[in-house]
Amino acid sequence: MRVRISDAIAFPVPAANEAPYRPTVGKDLVLGLRPEHITEPRHNGRDNGRDFTASLDVVEPMGMETISPSTAAKPGAAHAALCQHRHMHLIEPASGTVI
């Protein structure tokens, strides 16, 4: 089971979340993911999430809270990121219900 974000980005659903998500297969849902669960890929040998590349719309330096302090990220540039998909939530847009 996968959550498709775009034609180029899809994340596997963690096994622990498959049962409650199964009735939603094929529906349009909202992906909920906190900013701190999107990080730079570290490739430390653990399955911490899934890599993807996205174009940045806005870059906002936030001091110690900056997600990519080692990168000179610029708006419009492609940026590698990692989604810690075990922290994702799927939301029914009409009702706002977290599945």
Protein backbone atom coordinates (compact mmCIF):
# COMPACT_ATOMS: atom_id res chain seq x y z
CA MET A 1 0.00 0.00 0.00
CA ARG A 2 1.35 3.43 -0.97
CA VAL A 3 0.31 7.06 -0.59
CA ARG A 4 0.75 8.84 -3.92
CA ILE A 5 1.62 12.51 -3.55
CA SER A 6 2.31 13.14 -7.24
CA ASP A 7 3.29 11.20 -10.34
CA ALA A 8 6.88 11.25 -9.07
CA ILE A 9 6.41 10.88 -5.29
CA ALA A 10 4.76 7.98 -3.44
CA PHE A 11 5.40 6.76 0.10
CA PRO A 12 4.78 3.25 1.42
CA VAL A 13 2.23 3.03 4.20
CA PRO A 14 3.84 1.61 7.36
CA ALA A 15 2.51 -1.91 8.04
CA ALA A 16 1.02 -0.79 11.37
CA ASN A 17 -1.20 1.74 9.53
CA GLU A 18 -2.41 -0.48 6.68
CA ALA A 19 -5.61 -1.80 8.33
CA PRO A 20 -7.25 1.58 9.10
CA TYR A 21 -6.17 3.01 5.73
CA ARG A 22 -7.40 0.06 3.62
CA PRO A 23 -11.03 1.34 3.34
CA THR A 24 -9.69 4.63 1.93
CA VAL A 25 -7.89 3.10 -1.07
CA GLY A 26 -8.68 5.16 -4.18
CA LYS A 27 -10.02 8.18 -2.26
CA ASP A 28 -8.48 11.63 -2.36
CA LEU A 29 -7.11 12.37 1.10
CA VAL A 30 -4.88 15.00 2.68
CA LEU A 31 -1.45 13.92 3.88
CA GLY A 32 -0.59 15.26 7.32
CA LEU A 33 3.10 15.41 8.17
CA ARG A 34 4.82 17.78 10.59
CA PRO A 35 7.76 19.78 9.24
CA GLU A 36 10.15 18.13 11.71
CA HIS A 37 9.37 14.79 10.05
CA ILE A 38 10.81 16.03 6.76
CA THR A 39 14.60 16.07 7.00
CA GLU A 40 17.71 15.84 4.88
CA PRO A 41 18.53 12.27 3.74
CA ARG A 42 21.28 10.84 5.95
CA HIS A 43 21.62 7.30 4.54
CA ASN A 44 22.77 5.85 7.83
CA GLY A 45 21.64 2.32 6.98
CA ARG A 46 18.32 2.54 8.85
CA ASP A 47 14.94 2.65 7.16
CA ASN A 48 13.99 6.07 8.53
CA GLY A 49 11.75 7.04 5.65
CA ARG A 50 11.72 7.66 1.93
CA ASP A 51 13.81 10.10 -0.09
CA PHE A 52 12.22 12.46 -2.57
CA THR A 53 13.15 15.59 -4.46
CA ALA A 54 10.96 18.68 -4.53
CA SER A 55 11.19 22.22 -5.82
CA LEU A 56 11.29 24.78 -3.02
CA ASP A 57 8.73 27.59 -3.00
CA VAL A 58 10.04 29.46 0.03
CA VAL A 59 13.22 29.35 2.08
CA GLU A 60 12.88 30.73 5.58
CA PRO A 61 16.00 30.67 7.80
CA MET A 62 14.88 29.90 11.34
CA GLY A 63 18.13 29.61 13.26
CA MET A 64 18.37 26.39 15.26
CA GLU A 65 15.03 25.22 13.84
CA THR A 66 16.27 25.28 10.24
CA ILE A 67 15.63 21.87 8.66
CA SER A 68 18.56 21.99 6.22
CA PRO A 69 21.27 24.10 7.86
CA SER A 70 24.05 22.51 5.80
CA THR A 71 22.45 23.47 2.49
CA ALA A 72 22.37 26.79 0.69
CA ALA A 73 18.78 26.15 -0.44
CA LYS A 74 17.19 28.66 -2.80
CA PRO A 75 13.57 29.11 -3.93
CA GLY A 76 12.90 27.35 -7.22
CA ALA A 77 15.79 24.92 -6.72
CA ALA A 78 15.35 21.17 -6.44
CA HIS A 79 16.10 19.88 -2.95
CA ALA A 80 16.57 16.32 -1.67
CA ALA A 81 14.51 15.50 1.41
CA LEU A 82 13.45 12.50 3.44
CA CYS A 83 9.90 11.86 4.64
CA GLN A 84 9.65 9.97 7.91
CA HIS A 85 6.51 8.24 6.69
CA ARG A 86 5.86 6.40 9.97
CA HIS A 87 4.72 9.79 11.33
CA MET A 88 2.23 10.52 8.54
CA HIS A 89 -1.50 10.89 9.00
CA LEU A 90 -4.21 10.69 6.36
CA ILE A 91 -7.12 13.09 6.69
CA GLU A 92 -10.59 12.98 5.15
CA PRO A 93 -10.82 16.50 3.63
CA ALA A 94 -14.62 16.91 3.80
CA SER A 95 -14.89 16.13 7.52
CA GLY A 96 -11.35 16.81 8.74
CA THR A 97 -11.31 13.35 10.33
CA VAL A 98 -7.85 11.86 10.89
CA ILE A 99 -7.95 8.25 9.72
